[in-house]
Amino acid sequence: MNFQHLCTHNDRNGNPRRLYVLINDDRRVAVWDEGYLGHHAVPGIFRDAAYNAERMNITPRLYRELLRELPSPKWAHDVPGYAHLRDYL
């Protein structure tokens, strides 16, 4: 499990466009829009990893694609491949 903090420039209204992306086996499995929450946008069990994620710049197009294509579950056990976490909560 690894996280990336993907960032592009703010939208025309000045709102931030930053994502936390969960990487598992070199594959992106989930994404959370940071908004104004910071690393608290991701489910609790993943927050420390999100906080320490490597920041990378991306294009606005990739930002929109990732939000459209990947799930943004509210709970860690709803992330594909992490159903086993239900037992720990």
C-alpha atoms as a PDB file:
ATOM      1  CA  MET A   1       0.000   0.000   0.000  1.00  0.00           C
ATOM      2  CA  ASN A   2       1.273   3.392  -1.010  1.00  0.00           C
ATOM      3  CA  PHE A   3      -0.229   6.843  -1.483  1.00  0.00           C
ATOM      4  CA  GLN A   4       0.386   9.623  -3.980  1.00  0.00           C
ATOM      5  CA  HIS A   5      -0.644  13.236  -3.431  1.00  0.00           C
ATOM      6  CA  LEU A   6      -1.513  14.438  -6.939  1.00  0.00           C
ATOM      7  CA  CYS A   7      -1.941  18.171  -7.463  1.00  0.00           C
ATOM      8  CA  THR A   8      -2.904  20.521 -10.264  1.00  0.00           C
ATOM      9  CA  HIS A   9      -3.542  24.247 -10.235  1.00  0.00           C
ATOM     10  CA  ASN A  10      -6.675  25.637  -8.593  1.00  0.00           C
ATOM     11  CA  ASP A  11      -9.863  25.940 -10.623  1.00  0.00           C
ATOM     12  CA  ARG A  12     -11.078  29.292 -11.939  1.00  0.00           C
ATOM     13  CA  ASN A  13     -12.863  29.989  -8.648  1.00  0.00           C
ATOM     14  CA  GLY A  14      -9.706  29.394  -6.628  1.00  0.00           C
ATOM     15  CA  ASN A  15     -10.737  26.005  -5.252  1.00  0.00           C
ATOM     16  CA  PRO A  16      -7.927  23.481  -4.764  1.00  0.00           C
ATOM     17  CA  ARG A  17      -7.670  20.444  -7.034  1.00  0.00           C
ATOM     18  CA  ARG A  18      -5.628  17.863  -5.180  1.00  0.00           C
ATOM     19  CA  LEU A  19      -6.109  14.130  -4.826  1.00  0.00           C
ATOM     20  CA  TYR A  20      -4.910  11.340  -2.605  1.00  0.00           C
ATOM     21  CA  VAL A  21      -4.552   8.133  -4.600  1.00  0.00           C
ATOM     22  CA  LEU A  22      -4.147   4.693  -3.030  1.00  0.00           C
ATOM     23  CA  ILE A  23      -1.682   2.494  -4.921  1.00  0.00           C
ATOM     24  CA  ASN A  24      -1.701  -1.278  -4.466  1.00  0.00           C
ATOM     25  CA  ASP A  25       0.530  -3.593  -6.514  1.00  0.00           C
ATOM     26  CA  ASP A  26       1.512  -0.688  -8.816  1.00  0.00           C
ATOM     27  CA  ARG A  27      -2.154  -0.057  -9.616  1.00  0.00           C
ATOM     28  CA  ARG A  28      -4.347   2.868  -8.598  1.00  0.00           C
ATOM     29  CA  VAL A  29      -7.307   1.460  -6.666  1.00  0.00           C
ATOM     30  CA  ALA A  30      -9.021   4.445  -5.005  1.00  0.00           C
ATOM     31  CA  VAL A  31      -8.949   8.232  -4.996  1.00  0.00           C
ATOM     32  CA  TRP A  32     -10.108  10.962  -2.624  1.00  0.00           C
ATOM     33  CA  ASP A  33     -10.477  14.628  -3.478  1.00  0.00           C
ATOM     34  CA  GLU A  34      -8.603  16.586  -0.818  1.00  0.00           C
ATOM     35  CA  GLY A  35     -10.784  19.682  -1.004  1.00  0.00           C
ATOM     36  CA  TYR A  36     -10.264  21.693   2.159  1.00  0.00           C
ATOM     37  CA  LEU A  37      -9.940  18.623   4.405  1.00  0.00           C
ATOM     38  CA  GLY A  38      -6.310  17.784   3.720  1.00  0.00           C
ATOM     39  CA  HIS A  39      -5.319  14.223   4.554  1.00  0.00           C
ATOM     40  CA  HIS A  40      -8.542  13.875   6.567  1.00  0.00           C
ATOM     41  CA  ALA A  41     -10.353  13.345   3.246  1.00  0.00           C
ATOM     42  CA  VAL A  42      -9.229   9.687   3.237  1.00  0.00           C
ATOM     43  CA  PRO A  43     -10.618   6.997   5.577  1.00  0.00           C
ATOM     44  CA  GLY A  44      -9.048   7.037   9.054  1.00  0.00           C
ATOM     45  CA  ILE A  45      -6.855   3.961   8.792  1.00  0.00           C
ATOM     46  CA  PHE A  46      -5.116   5.415   5.702  1.00  0.00           C
ATOM     47  CA  ARG A  47      -4.573   8.973   7.015  1.00  0.00           C
ATOM     48  CA  ASP A  48      -0.979   8.623   8.179  1.00  0.00           C
ATOM     49  CA  ALA A  49       0.057   7.171   4.828  1.00  0.00           C
ATOM     50  CA  ALA A  50      -1.798   9.958   2.991  1.00  0.00           C
ATOM     51  CA  TYR A  51      -0.120  12.592   5.154  1.00  0.00           C
ATOM     52  CA  ASN A  52       3.315  11.221   4.213  1.00  0.00           C
ATOM     53  CA  ALA A  53       2.481  10.748   0.512  1.00  0.00           C
ATOM     54  CA  GLU A  54       4.834  11.970  -2.178  1.00  0.00           C
ATOM     55  CA  ARG A  55       3.446  15.079  -3.890  1.00  0.00           C
ATOM     56  CA  MET A  56       3.384  15.070  -7.684  1.00  0.00           C
ATOM     57  CA  ASN A  57       2.027  17.586 -10.194  1.00  0.00           C
ATOM     58  CA  ILE A  58      -0.524  16.405 -12.745  1.00  0.00           C
ATOM     59  CA  THR A  59      -2.656  17.933 -15.484  1.00  0.00           C
ATOM     60  CA  PRO A  60      -6.253  19.032 -14.894  1.00  0.00           C
ATOM     61  CA  ARG A  61      -7.307  16.377 -17.394  1.00  0.00           C
ATOM     62  CA  LEU A  62      -5.735  13.551 -15.365  1.00  0.00           C
ATOM     63  CA  TYR A  63      -7.315  15.013 -12.207  1.00  0.00           C
ATOM     64  CA  ARG A  64     -10.785  14.743 -13.765  1.00  0.00           C
ATOM     65  CA  GLU A  65     -10.108  11.280 -15.212  1.00  0.00           C
ATOM     66  CA  LEU A  66      -9.013   9.838 -11.876  1.00  0.00           C
ATOM     67  CA  LEU A  67     -12.075  11.226 -10.095  1.00  0.00           C
ATOM     68  CA  ARG A  68     -14.330   9.783 -12.777  1.00  0.00           C
ATOM     69  CA  GLU A  69     -12.703   6.337 -13.037  1.00  0.00           C
ATOM     70  CA  LEU A  70     -11.756   5.390  -9.470  1.00  0.00           C
ATOM     71  CA  PRO A  71     -13.965   4.860  -6.416  1.00  0.00           C
ATOM     72  CA  SER A  72     -13.855   7.240  -3.435  1.00  0.00           C
ATOM     73  CA  PRO A  73     -15.220   5.080  -0.619  1.00  0.00           C
ATOM     74  CA  LYS A  74     -15.993   6.585   2.764  1.00  0.00           C
ATOM     75  CA  TRP A  75     -14.778   3.502   4.627  1.00  0.00           C
ATOM     76  CA  ALA A  76     -11.451   1.689   4.260  1.00  0.00           C
ATOM     77  CA  HIS A  77     -13.131  -1.733   4.066  1.00  0.00           C
ATOM     78  CA  ASP A  78     -15.049  -0.573   0.961  1.00  0.00           C
ATOM     79  CA  VAL A  79     -11.816  -0.063  -1.005  1.00  0.00           C
ATOM     80  CA  PRO A  80     -11.335  -2.928  -3.489  1.00  0.00           C
ATOM     81  CA  GLY A  81      -8.987  -5.453  -1.908  1.00  0.00           C
ATOM     82  CA  TYR A  82      -9.371  -4.126   1.644  1.00  0.00           C
ATOM     83  CA  ALA A  83     -12.572  -5.859   2.796  1.00  0.00           C
ATOM     84  CA  HIS A  84     -10.542  -7.590   5.515  1.00  0.00           C
ATOM     85  CA  LEU A  85     -10.325  -4.246   7.363  1.00  0.00           C
ATOM     86  CA  ARG A  86     -14.000  -4.566   8.328  1.00  0.00           C
ATOM     87  CA  ASP A  87     -12.906  -7.025  11.045  1.00  0.00           C
ATOM     88  CA  TYR A  88     -10.623  -4.417  12.671  1.00  0.00           C
ATOM     89  CA  LEU A  89     -13.117  -1.589  12.972  1.00  0.00           C
END
